[in-house]
């Protein structure tokens, strides 16, 4: 397991603190459209160390008054989400591994083989890379508007990725993927989206767009339509 007594970075002044790098490290596991699946334990340990460095580094940033207003506002939110992910995949930092570490490592190889379909789900649903940013930016909007902007794309993404992984890797891997995405999205997103009827399943009364099909031979790309129509026209002209 990753040990919490890893050395904490220290800096003499704010100009020497790479704030963006620290925040990027803190968000190692939080990008729901770029989930860092790996079946190699050593790679997961590296990511856990990176996330831990991000935590230590941002604590120093905050204590030194080195964050701008937006960074200071978002830091507790990112730390909260990152802490849940750390417990899930990395452990408690002392003597226990993450409670889903074994399942994560054993499922990741198959999930990675279907990375393109997962990317299709992200693209077709329009889900935000970090959904909580929509929640914090839309505070002046109604609950329904925030649900439409954030929860509808996320619920479609959850269902789309579940369908892909369930079809290719089995229900256990699909459930793991869903748990990962919901945990990475964070408690603030969960609190808003839980008020959406049927969440995490898409609610047709609020979310008008359908869940895209990105699995297997049923996956159809709009960019191929022009090619297909051109081919049909060519064949019709050739044989007539």
C-alpha atoms as a PDB file:
ATOM      1  CA  UNK A   1       0.000   0.000   0.000  1.00  0.00           C
ATOM      2  CA  UNK A   2       0.975   3.631  -0.494  1.00  0.00           C
ATOM      3  CA  UNK A   3       2.268   5.060   2.773  1.00  0.00           C
ATOM      4  CA  UNK A   4       1.060   8.452   3.981  1.00  0.00           C
ATOM      5  CA  UNK A   5       4.408   9.450   5.465  1.00  0.00           C
ATOM      6  CA  UNK A   6       5.754  10.205   1.999  1.00  0.00           C
ATOM      7  CA  UNK A   7       7.807  13.421   2.160  1.00  0.00           C
ATOM      8  CA  UNK A   8       5.720  16.578   1.943  1.00  0.00           C
ATOM      9  CA  UNK A   9       7.132  19.162  -0.467  1.00  0.00           C
ATOM     10  CA  UNK A  10       8.258  22.422   1.051  1.00  0.00           C
ATOM     11  CA  UNK A  11       8.799  25.752  -0.685  1.00  0.00           C
ATOM     12  CA  UNK A  12      10.298  29.071   0.290  1.00  0.00           C
ATOM     13  CA  UNK A  13       7.777  31.213  -1.524  1.00  0.00           C
ATOM     14  CA  UNK A  14       4.696  30.953  -3.729  1.00  0.00           C
ATOM     15  CA  UNK A  15       6.567  31.696  -6.948  1.00  0.00           C
ATOM     16  CA  UNK A  16       8.377  28.365  -6.627  1.00  0.00           C
ATOM     17  CA  UNK A  17       5.198  26.339  -6.126  1.00  0.00           C
ATOM     18  CA  UNK A  18       3.855  24.686  -9.314  1.00  0.00           C
ATOM     19  CA  UNK A  19       0.203  25.168  -8.393  1.00  0.00           C
ATOM     20  CA  UNK A  20      -1.235  23.762 -11.626  1.00  0.00           C
ATOM     21  CA  UNK A  21       0.971  20.668 -11.378  1.00  0.00           C
ATOM     22  CA  UNK A  22      -0.084  20.108  -7.771  1.00  0.00           C
ATOM     23  CA  UNK A  23      -3.771  20.364  -8.663  1.00  0.00           C
ATOM     24  CA  UNK A  24      -3.296  18.083 -11.678  1.00  0.00           C
ATOM     25  CA  UNK A  25      -1.714  15.451  -9.427  1.00  0.00           C
ATOM     26  CA  UNK A  26      -4.562  15.797  -6.940  1.00  0.00           C
ATOM     27  CA  UNK A  27      -7.006  15.074  -9.795  1.00  0.00           C
ATOM     28  CA  UNK A  28      -5.187  11.896 -10.912  1.00  0.00           C
ATOM     29  CA  UNK A  29      -8.298   9.731 -10.459  1.00  0.00           C
ATOM     30  CA  UNK A  30     -10.984  12.387 -11.015  1.00  0.00           C
ATOM     31  CA  UNK A  31     -11.252  12.684 -14.813  1.00  0.00           C
ATOM     32  CA  UNK A  32     -14.361  10.628 -15.586  1.00  0.00           C
ATOM     33  CA  UNK A  33     -13.739  10.639 -19.353  1.00  0.00           C
ATOM     34  CA  UNK A  34     -10.112   9.517 -19.001  1.00  0.00           C
ATOM     35  CA  UNK A  35     -10.222   6.842 -16.319  1.00  0.00           C
ATOM     36  CA  UNK A  36      -6.666   5.607 -15.650  1.00  0.00           C
ATOM     37  CA  UNK A  37      -7.376   1.882 -15.645  1.00  0.00           C
ATOM     38  CA  UNK A  38      -4.358  -0.398 -15.283  1.00  0.00           C
ATOM     39  CA  UNK A  39      -3.889  -4.090 -14.553  1.00  0.00           C
ATOM     40  CA  UNK A  40      -0.326  -3.556 -13.289  1.00  0.00           C
ATOM     41  CA  UNK A  41      -0.010  -3.015  -9.554  1.00  0.00           C
ATOM     42  CA  UNK A  42       3.198  -1.022  -9.932  1.00  0.00           C
ATOM     43  CA  UNK A  43       1.442   1.429 -12.272  1.00  0.00           C
ATOM     44  CA  UNK A  44      -1.408   1.858  -9.807  1.00  0.00           C
ATOM     45  CA  UNK A  45       1.105   2.493  -7.016  1.00  0.00           C
ATOM     46  CA  UNK A  46       2.698   5.234  -9.125  1.00  0.00           C
ATOM     47  CA  UNK A  47      -0.707   6.870  -9.635  1.00  0.00           C
ATOM     48  CA  UNK A  48      -1.451   6.611  -5.921  1.00  0.00           C
ATOM     49  CA  UNK A  49       1.868   8.283  -5.106  1.00  0.00           C
ATOM     50  CA  UNK A  50       1.068  10.992  -7.634  1.00  0.00           C
ATOM     51  CA  UNK A  51      -2.346  11.619  -6.076  1.00  0.00           C
ATOM     52  CA  UNK A  52      -0.777  11.683  -2.607  1.00  0.00           C
ATOM     53  CA  UNK A  53       1.835  14.180  -3.771  1.00  0.00           C
ATOM     54  CA  UNK A  54      -0.979  16.333  -5.128  1.00  0.00           C
ATOM     55  CA  UNK A  55      -2.685  16.257  -1.745  1.00  0.00           C
ATOM     56  CA  UNK A  56       0.473  17.127   0.187  1.00  0.00           C
ATOM     57  CA  UNK A  57       1.429  19.817  -2.292  1.00  0.00           C
ATOM     58  CA  UNK A  58      -1.970  21.526  -2.321  1.00  0.00           C
ATOM     59  CA  UNK A  59      -2.058  21.520   1.486  1.00  0.00           C
ATOM     60  CA  UNK A  60       1.211  23.466   1.414  1.00  0.00           C
ATOM     61  CA  UNK A  61      -0.246  25.796  -1.217  1.00  0.00           C
ATOM     62  CA  UNK A  62      -3.320  26.470   0.869  1.00  0.00           C
ATOM     63  CA  UNK A  63      -1.406  26.991   4.117  1.00  0.00           C
ATOM     64  CA  UNK A  64       0.971  29.397   2.389  1.00  0.00           C
ATOM     65  CA  UNK A  65      -1.823  31.491   0.887  1.00  0.00           C
ATOM     66  CA  UNK A  66      -0.577  30.651  -2.598  1.00  0.00           C
ATOM     67  CA  UNK A  67      -3.929  29.822  -4.235  1.00  0.00           C
ATOM     68  CA  UNK A  68      -6.050  32.209  -6.262  1.00  0.00           C
ATOM     69  CA  UNK A  69      -9.732  32.608  -5.397  1.00  0.00           C
ATOM     70  CA  UNK A  70     -10.981  29.935  -7.814  1.00  0.00           C
ATOM     71  CA  UNK A  71      -8.341  27.404  -6.762  1.00  0.00           C
ATOM     72  CA  UNK A  72      -9.091  28.048  -3.092  1.00  0.00           C
ATOM     73  CA  UNK A  73     -12.803  27.530  -3.762  1.00  0.00           C
ATOM     74  CA  UNK A  74     -12.291  24.240  -5.624  1.00  0.00           C
ATOM     75  CA  UNK A  75      -9.590  22.727  -3.401  1.00  0.00           C
ATOM     76  CA  UNK A  76     -11.894  21.263  -0.685  1.00  0.00           C
ATOM     77  CA  UNK A  77     -14.095  19.747  -3.405  1.00  0.00           C
ATOM     78  CA  UNK A  78     -11.160  18.109  -5.169  1.00  0.00           C
ATOM     79  CA  UNK A  79      -9.680  16.890  -1.874  1.00  0.00           C
ATOM     80  CA  UNK A  80     -13.015  15.335  -0.893  1.00  0.00           C
ATOM     81  CA  UNK A  81     -13.369  13.437  -4.184  1.00  0.00           C
ATOM     82  CA  UNK A  82      -9.693  12.472  -4.253  1.00  0.00           C
ATOM     83  CA  UNK A  83      -9.928  11.092  -0.705  1.00  0.00           C
ATOM     84  CA  UNK A  84     -12.771   8.755  -1.658  1.00  0.00           C
ATOM     85  CA  UNK A  85     -10.843   7.546  -4.702  1.00  0.00           C
ATOM     86  CA  UNK A  86      -7.679   7.076  -2.641  1.00  0.00           C
ATOM     87  CA  UNK A  87      -9.481   4.879  -0.123  1.00  0.00           C
ATOM     88  CA  UNK A  88     -11.066   2.912  -2.943  1.00  0.00           C
ATOM     89  CA  UNK A  89      -7.932   2.195  -4.984  1.00  0.00           C
ATOM     90  CA  UNK A  90      -4.900   3.000  -2.823  1.00  0.00           C
ATOM     91  CA  UNK A  91      -5.894   2.205   0.757  1.00  0.00           C
ATOM     92  CA  UNK A  92      -5.810   4.011   4.061  1.00  0.00           C
ATOM     93  CA  UNK A  93      -2.180   5.075   3.698  1.00  0.00           C
ATOM     94  CA  UNK A  94      -0.923   2.823   6.468  1.00  0.00           C
ATOM     95  CA  UNK A  95      -1.663  -0.898   6.432  1.00  0.00           C
ATOM     96  CA  UNK A  96      -4.643  -1.541   4.167  1.00  0.00           C
ATOM     97  CA  UNK A  97      -4.980  -1.663   0.400  1.00  0.00           C
ATOM     98  CA  UNK A  98      -7.875   0.013  -1.390  1.00  0.00           C
ATOM     99  CA  UNK A  99     -11.113  -1.876  -0.872  1.00  0.00           C
ATOM    100  CA  UNK A 100     -11.620  -2.180  -4.652  1.00  0.00           C
ATOM    101  CA  UNK A 101      -7.944  -2.430  -5.622  1.00  0.00           C
ATOM    102  CA  UNK A 102      -8.047  -6.163  -6.416  1.00  0.00           C
ATOM    103  CA  UNK A 103     -11.237  -5.861  -8.461  1.00  0.00           C
ATOM    104  CA  UNK A 104      -9.809  -2.819 -10.253  1.00  0.00           C
ATOM    105  CA  UNK A 105      -6.598  -4.605 -11.255  1.00  0.00           C
ATOM    106  CA  UNK A 106      -8.350  -7.807 -12.313  1.00  0.00           C
ATOM    107  CA  UNK A 107     -10.947  -6.002 -14.458  1.00  0.00           C
ATOM    108  CA  UNK A 108      -8.743  -3.341 -16.035  1.00  0.00           C
ATOM    109  CA  UNK A 109      -7.202  -5.425 -18.824  1.00  0.00           C
ATOM    110  CA  UNK A 110     -10.588  -6.176 -20.404  1.00  0.00           C
ATOM    111  CA  UNK A 111     -11.814  -2.628 -19.800  1.00  0.00           C
ATOM    112  CA  UNK A 112      -8.730  -1.215 -21.537  1.00  0.00           C
ATOM    113  CA  UNK A 113      -9.411  -3.436 -24.555  1.00  0.00           C
ATOM    114  CA  UNK A 114     -12.669  -1.513 -24.959  1.00  0.00           C
ATOM    115  CA  UNK A 115     -11.193   1.956 -24.476  1.00  0.00           C
ATOM    116  CA  UNK A 116     -12.414   3.151 -27.891  1.00  0.00           C
ATOM    117  CA  UNK A 117     -16.005   2.299 -27.028  1.00  0.00           C
ATOM    118  CA  UNK A 118     -15.623   4.131 -23.710  1.00  0.00           C
ATOM    119  CA  UNK A 119     -14.334   7.162 -25.600  1.00  0.00           C
ATOM    120  CA  UNK A 120     -17.354   6.895 -27.883  1.00  0.00           C
ATOM    121  CA  UNK A 121     -19.605   7.051 -24.806  1.00  0.00           C
ATOM    122  CA  UNK A 122     -17.839  10.195 -23.587  1.00  0.00           C
ATOM    123  CA  UNK A 123     -18.034  11.899 -26.972  1.00  0.00           C
ATOM    124  CA  UNK A 124     -21.633  10.994 -27.760  1.00  0.00           C
ATOM    125  CA  UNK A 125     -23.029  11.886 -24.322  1.00  0.00           C
ATOM    126  CA  UNK A 126     -21.139  15.173 -23.984  1.00  0.00           C
ATOM    127  CA  UNK A 127     -20.282  14.430 -20.352  1.00  0.00           C
ATOM    128  CA  UNK A 128     -17.894  16.866 -18.684  1.00  0.00           C
ATOM    129  CA  UNK A 129     -14.380  15.637 -17.934  1.00  0.00           C
ATOM    130  CA  UNK A 130     -14.844  16.856 -14.352  1.00  0.00           C
ATOM    131  CA  UNK A 131     -18.633  17.158 -13.790  1.00  0.00           C
ATOM    132  CA  UNK A 132     -18.335  18.987 -10.468  1.00  0.00           C
ATOM    133  CA  UNK A 133     -17.092  22.055 -12.355  1.00  0.00           C
ATOM    134  CA  UNK A 134     -20.566  22.393 -13.892  1.00  0.00           C
ATOM    135  CA  UNK A 135     -22.155  22.177 -10.455  1.00  0.00           C
ATOM    136  CA  UNK A 136     -19.980  24.954  -9.037  1.00  0.00           C
ATOM    137  CA  UNK A 137     -20.343  27.170 -12.113  1.00  0.00           C
ATOM    138  CA  UNK A 138     -24.140  26.808 -12.273  1.00  0.00           C
ATOM    139  CA  UNK A 139     -24.951  27.771  -8.669  1.00  0.00           C
ATOM    140  CA  UNK A 140     -27.242  30.554  -9.861  1.00  0.00           C
ATOM    141  CA  UNK A 141     -29.344  28.164 -11.939  1.00  0.00           C
ATOM    142  CA  UNK A 142     -32.316  26.097 -10.828  1.00  0.00           C
ATOM    143  CA  UNK A 143     -31.956  22.503  -9.669  1.00  0.00           C
ATOM    144  CA  UNK A 144     -33.575  21.236 -12.874  1.00  0.00           C
ATOM    145  CA  UNK A 145     -31.186  23.255 -15.042  1.00  0.00           C
ATOM    146  CA  UNK A 146     -28.181  21.934 -13.139  1.00  0.00           C
ATOM    147  CA  UNK A 147     -29.499  18.394 -13.452  1.00  0.00           C
ATOM    148  CA  UNK A 148     -29.962  18.815 -17.200  1.00  0.00           C
ATOM    149  CA  UNK A 149     -26.497  20.342 -17.644  1.00  0.00           C
ATOM    150  CA  UNK A 150     -24.585  17.926 -15.412  1.00  0.00           C
ATOM    151  CA  UNK A 151     -26.607  14.878 -14.412  1.00  0.00           C
ATOM    152  CA  UNK A 152     -28.229  14.048 -17.749  1.00  0.00           C
ATOM    153  CA  UNK A 153     -24.919  13.695 -19.650  1.00  0.00           C
ATOM    154  CA  UNK A 154     -23.409  11.854 -16.677  1.00  0.00           C
ATOM    155  CA  UNK A 155     -26.309   9.402 -16.375  1.00  0.00           C
ATOM    156  CA  UNK A 156     -26.156   8.671 -20.121  1.00  0.00           C
ATOM    157  CA  UNK A 157     -22.387   8.167 -19.841  1.00  0.00           C
ATOM    158  CA  UNK A 158     -22.843   5.824 -16.877  1.00  0.00           C
ATOM    159  CA  UNK A 159     -25.388   3.744 -18.786  1.00  0.00           C
ATOM    160  CA  UNK A 160     -23.414   3.760 -22.034  1.00  0.00           C
ATOM    161  CA  UNK A 161     -20.175   2.635 -20.378  1.00  0.00           C
ATOM    162  CA  UNK A 162     -22.048   0.055 -18.309  1.00  0.00           C
ATOM    163  CA  UNK A 163     -23.557  -1.414 -21.485  1.00  0.00           C
ATOM    164  CA  UNK A 164     -20.164  -1.558 -23.200  1.00  0.00           C
ATOM    165  CA  UNK A 165     -18.298  -3.182 -20.316  1.00  0.00           C
ATOM    166  CA  UNK A 166     -21.167  -5.492 -19.357  1.00  0.00           C
ATOM    167  CA  UNK A 167     -21.276  -6.768 -22.944  1.00  0.00           C
ATOM    168  CA  UNK A 168     -17.508  -7.259 -23.269  1.00  0.00           C
ATOM    169  CA  UNK A 169     -16.198  -7.885 -19.742  1.00  0.00           C
ATOM    170  CA  UNK A 170     -19.139  -8.957 -17.601  1.00  0.00           C
ATOM    171  CA  UNK A 171     -21.397  -7.432 -14.986  1.00  0.00           C
ATOM    172  CA  UNK A 172     -18.766  -7.276 -12.220  1.00  0.00           C
ATOM    173  CA  UNK A 173     -16.447  -5.152 -14.369  1.00  0.00           C
ATOM    174  CA  UNK A 174     -19.399  -3.006 -15.467  1.00  0.00           C
ATOM    175  CA  UNK A 175     -20.446  -2.400 -11.857  1.00  0.00           C
ATOM    176  CA  UNK A 176     -16.845  -1.524 -10.966  1.00  0.00           C
ATOM    177  CA  UNK A 177     -16.718   0.997 -13.811  1.00  0.00           C
ATOM    178  CA  UNK A 178     -19.978   2.573 -12.692  1.00  0.00           C
ATOM    179  CA  UNK A 179     -18.767   2.794  -9.086  1.00  0.00           C
ATOM    180  CA  UNK A 180     -15.483   4.331 -10.240  1.00  0.00           C
ATOM    181  CA  UNK A 181     -17.201   7.004 -12.337  1.00  0.00           C
ATOM    182  CA  UNK A 182     -19.718   7.953  -9.637  1.00  0.00           C
ATOM    183  CA  UNK A 183     -17.001   8.146  -6.973  1.00  0.00           C
ATOM    184  CA  UNK A 184     -14.689  10.168  -9.222  1.00  0.00           C
ATOM    185  CA  UNK A 185     -17.523  12.596 -10.011  1.00  0.00           C
ATOM    186  CA  UNK A 186     -17.633  13.371  -6.300  1.00  0.00           C
ATOM    187  CA  UNK A 187     -20.166  13.824  -3.488  1.00  0.00           C
ATOM    188  CA  UNK A 188     -21.287  17.280  -4.655  1.00  0.00           C
ATOM    189  CA  UNK A 189     -22.380  15.859  -8.001  1.00  0.00           C
ATOM    190  CA  UNK A 190     -23.960  12.841  -6.313  1.00  0.00           C
ATOM    191  CA  UNK A 191     -26.001  15.085  -4.021  1.00  0.00           C
ATOM    192  CA  UNK A 192     -27.465  17.042  -6.948  1.00  0.00           C
ATOM    193  CA  UNK A 193     -27.975  14.056  -9.234  1.00  0.00           C
ATOM    194  CA  UNK A 194     -29.548  11.830  -6.572  1.00  0.00           C
ATOM    195  CA  UNK A 195     -32.522  14.204  -6.713  1.00  0.00           C
ATOM    196  CA  UNK A 196     -33.003  13.250 -10.371  1.00  0.00           C
ATOM    197  CA  UNK A 197     -35.672  10.576 -10.802  1.00  0.00           C
ATOM    198  CA  UNK A 198     -34.190   7.096 -11.433  1.00  0.00           C
ATOM    199  CA  UNK A 199     -30.565   8.300 -11.118  1.00  0.00           C
ATOM    200  CA  UNK A 200     -28.055   6.897 -12.011  1.00  0.00           C
ATOM    201  CA  UNK A 201     -30.296   5.510 -14.758  1.00  0.00           C
ATOM    202  CA  UNK A 202     -31.255   8.179 -17.337  1.00  0.00           C
ATOM    203  CA  UNK A 203     -34.596   9.870 -16.659  1.00  0.00           C
ATOM    204  CA  UNK A 204     -36.489  10.275 -19.931  1.00  0.00           C
ATOM    205  CA  UNK A 205     -38.793  12.945 -18.490  1.00  0.00           C
ATOM    206  CA  UNK A 206     -35.854  15.267 -17.709  1.00  0.00           C
ATOM    207  CA  UNK A 207     -33.111  14.008 -20.015  1.00  0.00           C
ATOM    208  CA  UNK A 208     -34.404  14.050 -23.582  1.00  0.00           C
ATOM    209  CA  UNK A 209     -31.353  12.654 -25.400  1.00  0.00           C
ATOM    210  CA  UNK A 210     -31.130   8.842 -25.653  1.00  0.00           C
ATOM    211  CA  UNK A 211     -28.249   6.710 -24.416  1.00  0.00           C
ATOM    212  CA  UNK A 212     -25.841   6.231 -27.355  1.00  0.00           C
ATOM    213  CA  UNK A 213     -24.924   2.772 -28.610  1.00  0.00           C
ATOM    214  CA  UNK A 214     -21.160   2.358 -28.546  1.00  0.00           C
ATOM    215  CA  UNK A 215     -20.845  -1.404 -28.161  1.00  0.00           C
ATOM    216  CA  UNK A 216     -19.776  -3.946 -30.753  1.00  0.00           C
ATOM    217  CA  UNK A 217     -21.154  -4.043 -34.283  1.00  0.00           C
ATOM    218  CA  UNK A 218     -24.063  -1.748 -33.384  1.00  0.00           C
ATOM    219  CA  UNK A 219     -21.760   1.245 -33.039  1.00  0.00           C
ATOM    220  CA  UNK A 220     -22.435   3.691 -35.870  1.00  0.00           C
ATOM    221  CA  UNK A 221     -20.474   6.866 -36.499  1.00  0.00           C
ATOM    222  CA  UNK A 222     -22.113   9.830 -38.177  1.00  0.00           C
ATOM    223  CA  UNK A 223     -18.894  10.598 -40.023  1.00  0.00           C
ATOM    224  CA  UNK A 224     -19.352   7.408 -42.043  1.00  0.00           C
ATOM    225  CA  UNK A 225     -22.729   8.462 -43.419  1.00  0.00           C
ATOM    226  CA  UNK A 226     -21.308  10.627 -46.201  1.00  0.00           C
ATOM    227  CA  UNK A 227     -19.040   7.784 -47.311  1.00  0.00           C
ATOM    228  CA  UNK A 228     -21.934   5.312 -47.368  1.00  0.00           C
ATOM    229  CA  UNK A 229     -24.185   7.636 -49.373  1.00  0.00           C
ATOM    230  CA  UNK A 230     -21.364   8.369 -51.828  1.00  0.00           C
ATOM    231  CA  UNK A 231     -20.714   4.661 -52.307  1.00  0.00           C
ATOM    232  CA  UNK A 232     -24.392   3.930 -52.943  1.00  0.00           C
ATOM    233  CA  UNK A 233     -24.604   6.755 -55.486  1.00  0.00           C
ATOM    234  CA  UNK A 234     -21.468   5.505 -57.240  1.00  0.00           C
ATOM    235  CA  UNK A 235     -22.770   1.939 -57.458  1.00  0.00           C
ATOM    236  CA  UNK A 236     -26.145   3.129 -58.730  1.00  0.00           C
ATOM    237  CA  UNK A 237     -24.451   5.229 -61.422  1.00  0.00           C
ATOM    238  CA  UNK A 238     -22.065   2.394 -62.376  1.00  0.00           C
ATOM    239  CA  UNK A 239     -24.742  -0.269 -62.814  1.00  0.00           C
ATOM    240  CA  UNK A 240     -27.279   1.921 -64.556  1.00  0.00           C
END
